[in-house]
């Protein structure tokens, strides 16, 4: 079954991308690596849209590359969430990791829910017929766009937002060193000085 093979191959490629992210991108600035990785899989996603349906194995191959490159960003994304927590501690002296990660998880879940709803609305607008083996050409083009072009357009918006994101690797490393220095000073400041013998 080609559908099953298509989905499984994409999932395996996604898992491989996440596992190899640190090895492939760890030496680069995380913000720039995130931007260029997004641009790369946007190109692959757009290519999939324009391939004719007869090029089955080429579509398979591009989907594998697309899934692999796309999920190189997953560990980067969670690392950047952690960077925000460090930045807030550096700025205000308070750790807000729980708030940062809960907000990120809420945004991810909200995006998944909204994305699923939008797909249903768009398919309804183009008269998608559930359960039918064949669909109208307009429906097939819309499904293809929902899988490729529309996500690619949204990811390009992410590239633009990352252009104004200031927590690059150099700044985060500097913040980490300052925080480490402060944590070393605090225990020393909290130590009791040796008791002096009281006069009798």
C-alpha atoms as a PDB file:
ATOM      1  CA  UNK A   1       0.000   0.000   0.000  1.00  0.00           C
ATOM      2  CA  UNK A   2       1.632   3.228  -1.188  1.00  0.00           C
ATOM      3  CA  UNK A   3      -0.217   5.426   1.311  1.00  0.00           C
ATOM      4  CA  UNK A   4       1.070   3.372   4.248  1.00  0.00           C
ATOM      5  CA  UNK A   5       4.620   3.334   2.846  1.00  0.00           C
ATOM      6  CA  UNK A   6       4.471   7.091   2.201  1.00  0.00           C
ATOM      7  CA  UNK A   7       3.405   7.859   5.774  1.00  0.00           C
ATOM      8  CA  UNK A   8       5.838   5.433   7.427  1.00  0.00           C
ATOM      9  CA  UNK A   9       8.823   6.580   5.364  1.00  0.00           C
ATOM     10  CA  UNK A  10       8.047  10.185   6.281  1.00  0.00           C
ATOM     11  CA  UNK A  11       7.751   9.310   9.978  1.00  0.00           C
ATOM     12  CA  UNK A  12      11.072   7.432   9.973  1.00  0.00           C
ATOM     13  CA  UNK A  13      12.742  10.377   8.217  1.00  0.00           C
ATOM     14  CA  UNK A  14      11.228  12.778  10.771  1.00  0.00           C
ATOM     15  CA  UNK A  15      12.533  10.722  13.681  1.00  0.00           C
ATOM     16  CA  UNK A  16      15.978  10.509  12.078  1.00  0.00           C
ATOM     17  CA  UNK A  17      16.064  14.271  11.587  1.00  0.00           C
ATOM     18  CA  UNK A  18      15.248  14.931  15.239  1.00  0.00           C
ATOM     19  CA  UNK A  19      17.872  12.433  16.421  1.00  0.00           C
ATOM     20  CA  UNK A  20      20.628  13.848  14.205  1.00  0.00           C
ATOM     21  CA  UNK A  21      19.815  17.520  14.751  1.00  0.00           C
ATOM     22  CA  UNK A  22      22.480  18.164  17.398  1.00  0.00           C
ATOM     23  CA  UNK A  23      25.178  16.378  15.404  1.00  0.00           C
ATOM     24  CA  UNK A  24      24.414  18.244  12.183  1.00  0.00           C
ATOM     25  CA  UNK A  25      23.491  21.692  13.497  1.00  0.00           C
ATOM     26  CA  UNK A  26      25.096  21.887  16.940  1.00  0.00           C
ATOM     27  CA  UNK A  27      28.185  23.776  15.733  1.00  0.00           C
ATOM     28  CA  UNK A  28      26.147  26.587  14.120  1.00  0.00           C
ATOM     29  CA  UNK A  29      24.278  29.536  15.588  1.00  0.00           C
ATOM     30  CA  UNK A  30      20.882  28.106  16.517  1.00  0.00           C
ATOM     31  CA  UNK A  31      18.791  30.999  15.159  1.00  0.00           C
ATOM     32  CA  UNK A  32      20.557  31.057  11.786  1.00  0.00           C
ATOM     33  CA  UNK A  33      20.492  27.250  11.624  1.00  0.00           C
ATOM     34  CA  UNK A  34      16.747  27.355  12.293  1.00  0.00           C
ATOM     35  CA  UNK A  35      16.219  29.921   9.526  1.00  0.00           C
ATOM     36  CA  UNK A  36      18.241  28.085   6.890  1.00  0.00           C
ATOM     37  CA  UNK A  37      16.709  24.740   7.793  1.00  0.00           C
ATOM     38  CA  UNK A  38      13.222  26.202   7.375  1.00  0.00           C
ATOM     39  CA  UNK A  39      14.173  27.711   4.013  1.00  0.00           C
ATOM     40  CA  UNK A  40      15.538  24.319   2.902  1.00  0.00           C
ATOM     41  CA  UNK A  41      12.429  22.323   3.665  1.00  0.00           C
ATOM     42  CA  UNK A  42      10.198  25.072   2.242  1.00  0.00           C
ATOM     43  CA  UNK A  43      11.998  24.540  -1.072  1.00  0.00           C
ATOM     44  CA  UNK A  44      11.488  20.763  -0.896  1.00  0.00           C
ATOM     45  CA  UNK A  45       7.832  21.201   0.075  1.00  0.00           C
ATOM     46  CA  UNK A  46       7.188  23.541  -2.837  1.00  0.00           C
ATOM     47  CA  UNK A  47       8.857  21.101  -5.242  1.00  0.00           C
ATOM     48  CA  UNK A  48       6.483  18.336  -4.122  1.00  0.00           C
ATOM     49  CA  UNK A  49       3.482  20.491  -5.089  1.00  0.00           C
ATOM     50  CA  UNK A  50       4.697  20.984  -8.654  1.00  0.00           C
ATOM     51  CA  UNK A  51       5.634  17.354  -9.346  1.00  0.00           C
ATOM     52  CA  UNK A  52       3.209  15.443 -11.586  1.00  0.00           C
ATOM     53  CA  UNK A  53       1.357  12.574  -9.844  1.00  0.00           C
ATOM     54  CA  UNK A  54       3.042  10.065 -12.153  1.00  0.00           C
ATOM     55  CA  UNK A  55       6.429  10.747 -10.481  1.00  0.00           C
ATOM     56  CA  UNK A  56       5.576   8.552  -7.508  1.00  0.00           C
ATOM     57  CA  UNK A  57       9.092   7.621  -6.430  1.00  0.00           C
ATOM     58  CA  UNK A  58      10.391  11.160  -6.839  1.00  0.00           C
ATOM     59  CA  UNK A  59       7.542  12.368  -4.625  1.00  0.00           C
ATOM     60  CA  UNK A  60       8.487   9.650  -2.106  1.00  0.00           C
ATOM     61  CA  UNK A  61      12.108  10.749  -2.127  1.00  0.00           C
ATOM     62  CA  UNK A  62      11.318  14.446  -1.757  1.00  0.00           C
ATOM     63  CA  UNK A  63       8.890  13.714   1.071  1.00  0.00           C
ATOM     64  CA  UNK A  64      11.598  11.754   2.910  1.00  0.00           C
ATOM     65  CA  UNK A  65      14.074  14.628   2.509  1.00  0.00           C
ATOM     66  CA  UNK A  66      11.380  17.176   3.434  1.00  0.00           C
ATOM     67  CA  UNK A  67      10.425  15.270   6.606  1.00  0.00           C
ATOM     68  CA  UNK A  68      14.051  14.758   7.616  1.00  0.00           C
ATOM     69  CA  UNK A  69      15.027  18.411   7.182  1.00  0.00           C
ATOM     70  CA  UNK A  70      11.825  19.691   8.771  1.00  0.00           C
ATOM     71  CA  UNK A  71      12.393  17.763  11.984  1.00  0.00           C
ATOM     72  CA  UNK A  72      15.976  18.915  12.298  1.00  0.00           C
ATOM     73  CA  UNK A  73      14.305  22.004  13.778  1.00  0.00           C
ATOM     74  CA  UNK A  74      12.431  20.208  16.581  1.00  0.00           C
ATOM     75  CA  UNK A  75      15.319  20.021  19.103  1.00  0.00           C
ATOM     76  CA  UNK A  76      16.331  23.569  18.125  1.00  0.00           C
ATOM     77  CA  UNK A  77      12.844  24.777  18.928  1.00  0.00           C
ATOM     78  CA  UNK A  78      12.855  23.285  22.424  1.00  0.00           C
ATOM     79  CA  UNK A  79      16.358  24.590  23.064  1.00  0.00           C
ATOM     80  CA  UNK A  80      15.149  28.071  22.157  1.00  0.00           C
ATOM     81  CA  UNK A  81      12.260  27.748  24.618  1.00  0.00           C
ATOM     82  CA  UNK A  82      14.845  27.021  27.296  1.00  0.00           C
ATOM     83  CA  UNK A  83      16.868  30.055  26.163  1.00  0.00           C
ATOM     84  CA  UNK A  84      13.862  32.273  26.886  1.00  0.00           C
ATOM     85  CA  UNK A  85      13.797  30.937  30.460  1.00  0.00           C
ATOM     86  CA  UNK A  86      17.489  31.758  30.916  1.00  0.00           C
ATOM     87  CA  UNK A  87      16.986  35.209  29.420  1.00  0.00           C
ATOM     88  CA  UNK A  88      14.145  35.970  31.840  1.00  0.00           C
ATOM     89  CA  UNK A  89      16.257  34.826  34.784  1.00  0.00           C
ATOM     90  CA  UNK A  90      19.072  37.089  33.593  1.00  0.00           C
ATOM     91  CA  UNK A  91      16.699  40.019  33.078  1.00  0.00           C
ATOM     92  CA  UNK A  92      14.583  39.820  36.224  1.00  0.00           C
ATOM     93  CA  UNK A  93      16.314  37.329  38.500  1.00  0.00           C
ATOM     94  CA  UNK A  94      13.325  34.971  38.357  1.00  0.00           C
ATOM     95  CA  UNK A  95      13.122  31.599  36.651  1.00  0.00           C
ATOM     96  CA  UNK A  96       9.897  31.219  34.698  1.00  0.00           C
ATOM     97  CA  UNK A  97      10.604  27.893  32.979  1.00  0.00           C
ATOM     98  CA  UNK A  98       7.170  26.526  33.855  1.00  0.00           C
ATOM     99  CA  UNK A  99       5.412  29.523  32.325  1.00  0.00           C
ATOM    100  CA  UNK A 100       7.613  29.463  29.214  1.00  0.00           C
ATOM    101  CA  UNK A 101       7.123  25.766  28.469  1.00  0.00           C
ATOM    102  CA  UNK A 102       3.416  25.714  29.353  1.00  0.00           C
ATOM    103  CA  UNK A 103       2.855  28.676  27.011  1.00  0.00           C
ATOM    104  CA  UNK A 104       4.803  26.898  24.261  1.00  0.00           C
ATOM    105  CA  UNK A 105       2.785  23.697  24.728  1.00  0.00           C
ATOM    106  CA  UNK A 106      -0.468  25.655  24.679  1.00  0.00           C
ATOM    107  CA  UNK A 107       0.571  27.369  21.444  1.00  0.00           C
ATOM    108  CA  UNK A 108       1.473  24.013  19.853  1.00  0.00           C
ATOM    109  CA  UNK A 109      -1.821  22.381  20.886  1.00  0.00           C
ATOM    110  CA  UNK A 110      -3.837  25.410  19.825  1.00  0.00           C
ATOM    111  CA  UNK A 111      -2.059  25.412  16.467  1.00  0.00           C
ATOM    112  CA  UNK A 112      -2.797  21.710  15.950  1.00  0.00           C
ATOM    113  CA  UNK A 113      -6.473  22.225  16.775  1.00  0.00           C
ATOM    114  CA  UNK A 114      -6.789  25.308  14.577  1.00  0.00           C
ATOM    115  CA  UNK A 115      -4.877  23.655  11.735  1.00  0.00           C
ATOM    116  CA  UNK A 116      -7.159  20.609  11.807  1.00  0.00           C
ATOM    117  CA  UNK A 117     -10.226  22.843  11.755  1.00  0.00           C
ATOM    118  CA  UNK A 118      -8.903  24.940   8.867  1.00  0.00           C
ATOM    119  CA  UNK A 119      -8.217  21.801   6.816  1.00  0.00           C
ATOM    120  CA  UNK A 120     -11.826  20.693   7.332  1.00  0.00           C
ATOM    121  CA  UNK A 121     -13.190  24.118   6.397  1.00  0.00           C
ATOM    122  CA  UNK A 122     -11.060  24.372   3.263  1.00  0.00           C
ATOM    123  CA  UNK A 123     -11.978  20.864   2.087  1.00  0.00           C
ATOM    124  CA  UNK A 124     -15.646  21.682   2.650  1.00  0.00           C
ATOM    125  CA  UNK A 125     -15.281  24.815   0.518  1.00  0.00           C
ATOM    126  CA  UNK A 126     -13.945  22.809  -2.443  1.00  0.00           C
ATOM    127  CA  UNK A 127     -16.657  20.114  -2.154  1.00  0.00           C
ATOM    128  CA  UNK A 128     -14.471  17.282  -0.896  1.00  0.00           C
ATOM    129  CA  UNK A 129     -16.476  14.024  -0.963  1.00  0.00           C
ATOM    130  CA  UNK A 130     -15.516  11.738   1.963  1.00  0.00           C
ATOM    131  CA  UNK A 131     -15.321   8.033   1.228  1.00  0.00           C
ATOM    132  CA  UNK A 132     -14.983   8.372  -2.536  1.00  0.00           C
ATOM    133  CA  UNK A 133     -12.014   6.774  -4.269  1.00  0.00           C
ATOM    134  CA  UNK A 134     -11.763   9.584  -6.823  1.00  0.00           C
ATOM    135  CA  UNK A 135     -11.976  13.318  -6.241  1.00  0.00           C
ATOM    136  CA  UNK A 136     -12.363  16.302  -8.535  1.00  0.00           C
ATOM    137  CA  UNK A 137      -9.103  17.845  -9.812  1.00  0.00           C
ATOM    138  CA  UNK A 138      -9.784  20.997  -7.791  1.00  0.00           C
ATOM    139  CA  UNK A 139     -10.054  18.918  -4.610  1.00  0.00           C
ATOM    140  CA  UNK A 140      -6.801  17.087  -5.345  1.00  0.00           C
ATOM    141  CA  UNK A 141      -4.965  20.361  -5.993  1.00  0.00           C
ATOM    142  CA  UNK A 142      -6.323  21.769  -2.732  1.00  0.00           C
ATOM    143  CA  UNK A 143      -5.221  18.705  -0.752  1.00  0.00           C
ATOM    144  CA  UNK A 144      -1.768  18.972  -2.315  1.00  0.00           C
ATOM    145  CA  UNK A 145      -1.579  22.674  -1.416  1.00  0.00           C
ATOM    146  CA  UNK A 146      -2.688  21.965   2.169  1.00  0.00           C
ATOM    147  CA  UNK A 147       0.155  19.479   2.464  1.00  0.00           C
ATOM    148  CA  UNK A 148       2.833  21.616   0.817  1.00  0.00           C
ATOM    149  CA  UNK A 149       2.356  25.241  -0.257  1.00  0.00           C
ATOM    150  CA  UNK A 150       0.233  26.529   2.622  1.00  0.00           C
ATOM    151  CA  UNK A 151       2.537  25.170   5.373  1.00  0.00           C
ATOM    152  CA  UNK A 152       5.522  26.480   3.402  1.00  0.00           C
ATOM    153  CA  UNK A 153       4.007  29.973   3.322  1.00  0.00           C
ATOM    154  CA  UNK A 154       3.481  29.870   7.095  1.00  0.00           C
ATOM    155  CA  UNK A 155       7.039  28.675   7.643  1.00  0.00           C
ATOM    156  CA  UNK A 156       8.340  31.615   5.608  1.00  0.00           C
ATOM    157  CA  UNK A 157       6.533  33.855   8.102  1.00  0.00           C
ATOM    158  CA  UNK A 158       8.580  32.098  10.796  1.00  0.00           C
ATOM    159  CA  UNK A 159      11.776  32.960   8.933  1.00  0.00           C
ATOM    160  CA  UNK A 160      10.739  36.623   8.968  1.00  0.00           C
ATOM    161  CA  UNK A 161       9.992  36.506  12.708  1.00  0.00           C
ATOM    162  CA  UNK A 162      13.339  34.849  13.413  1.00  0.00           C
ATOM    163  CA  UNK A 163      15.046  37.792  11.695  1.00  0.00           C
ATOM    164  CA  UNK A 164      14.041  39.975  14.668  1.00  0.00           C
ATOM    165  CA  UNK A 165      14.681  37.287  17.305  1.00  0.00           C
ATOM    166  CA  UNK A 166      17.749  38.370  19.273  1.00  0.00           C
ATOM    167  CA  UNK A 167      18.612  35.339  21.427  1.00  0.00           C
ATOM    168  CA  UNK A 168      21.326  33.912  19.189  1.00  0.00           C
ATOM    169  CA  UNK A 169      23.894  31.387  20.406  1.00  0.00           C
ATOM    170  CA  UNK A 170      26.513  34.005  21.294  1.00  0.00           C
ATOM    171  CA  UNK A 171      24.114  36.036  23.464  1.00  0.00           C
ATOM    172  CA  UNK A 172      22.694  32.918  25.137  1.00  0.00           C
ATOM    173  CA  UNK A 173      26.199  31.632  25.932  1.00  0.00           C
ATOM    174  CA  UNK A 174      27.079  35.014  27.450  1.00  0.00           C
ATOM    175  CA  UNK A 175      23.922  34.938  29.576  1.00  0.00           C
ATOM    176  CA  UNK A 176      24.680  31.374  30.687  1.00  0.00           C
ATOM    177  CA  UNK A 177      28.177  32.386  31.823  1.00  0.00           C
ATOM    178  CA  UNK A 178      26.814  35.344  33.789  1.00  0.00           C
ATOM    179  CA  UNK A 179      24.158  33.192  35.456  1.00  0.00           C
ATOM    180  CA  UNK A 180      26.752  30.549  36.338  1.00  0.00           C
ATOM    181  CA  UNK A 181      28.904  33.245  37.932  1.00  0.00           C
ATOM    182  CA  UNK A 182      25.985  34.556  39.974  1.00  0.00           C
ATOM    183  CA  UNK A 183      25.121  31.053  41.182  1.00  0.00           C
ATOM    184  CA  UNK A 184      28.695  30.555  42.374  1.00  0.00           C
ATOM    185  CA  UNK A 185      28.656  33.837  44.288  1.00  0.00           C
ATOM    186  CA  UNK A 186      25.343  33.240  46.064  1.00  0.00           C
ATOM    187  CA  UNK A 187      26.396  30.200  48.144  1.00  0.00           C
ATOM    188  CA  UNK A 188      29.580  32.006  49.199  1.00  0.00           C
ATOM    189  CA  UNK A 189      27.580  35.056  50.272  1.00  0.00           C
ATOM    190  CA  UNK A 190      25.222  32.845  52.231  1.00  0.00           C
ATOM    191  CA  UNK A 191      27.933  31.124  54.256  1.00  0.00           C
ATOM    192  CA  UNK A 192      28.156  32.148  57.915  1.00  0.00           C
ATOM    193  CA  UNK A 193      31.414  33.740  58.956  1.00  0.00           C
ATOM    194  CA  UNK A 194      33.314  31.860  61.683  1.00  0.00           C
ATOM    195  CA  UNK A 195      31.996  32.710  65.115  1.00  0.00           C
ATOM    196  CA  UNK A 196      34.289  34.959  67.139  1.00  0.00           C
ATOM    197  CA  UNK A 197      34.811  34.007  70.770  1.00  0.00           C
ATOM    198  CA  UNK A 198      32.743  36.214  73.037  1.00  0.00           C
ATOM    199  CA  UNK A 199      34.468  38.231  75.720  1.00  0.00           C
ATOM    200  CA  UNK A 200      34.052  36.919  79.227  1.00  0.00           C
END
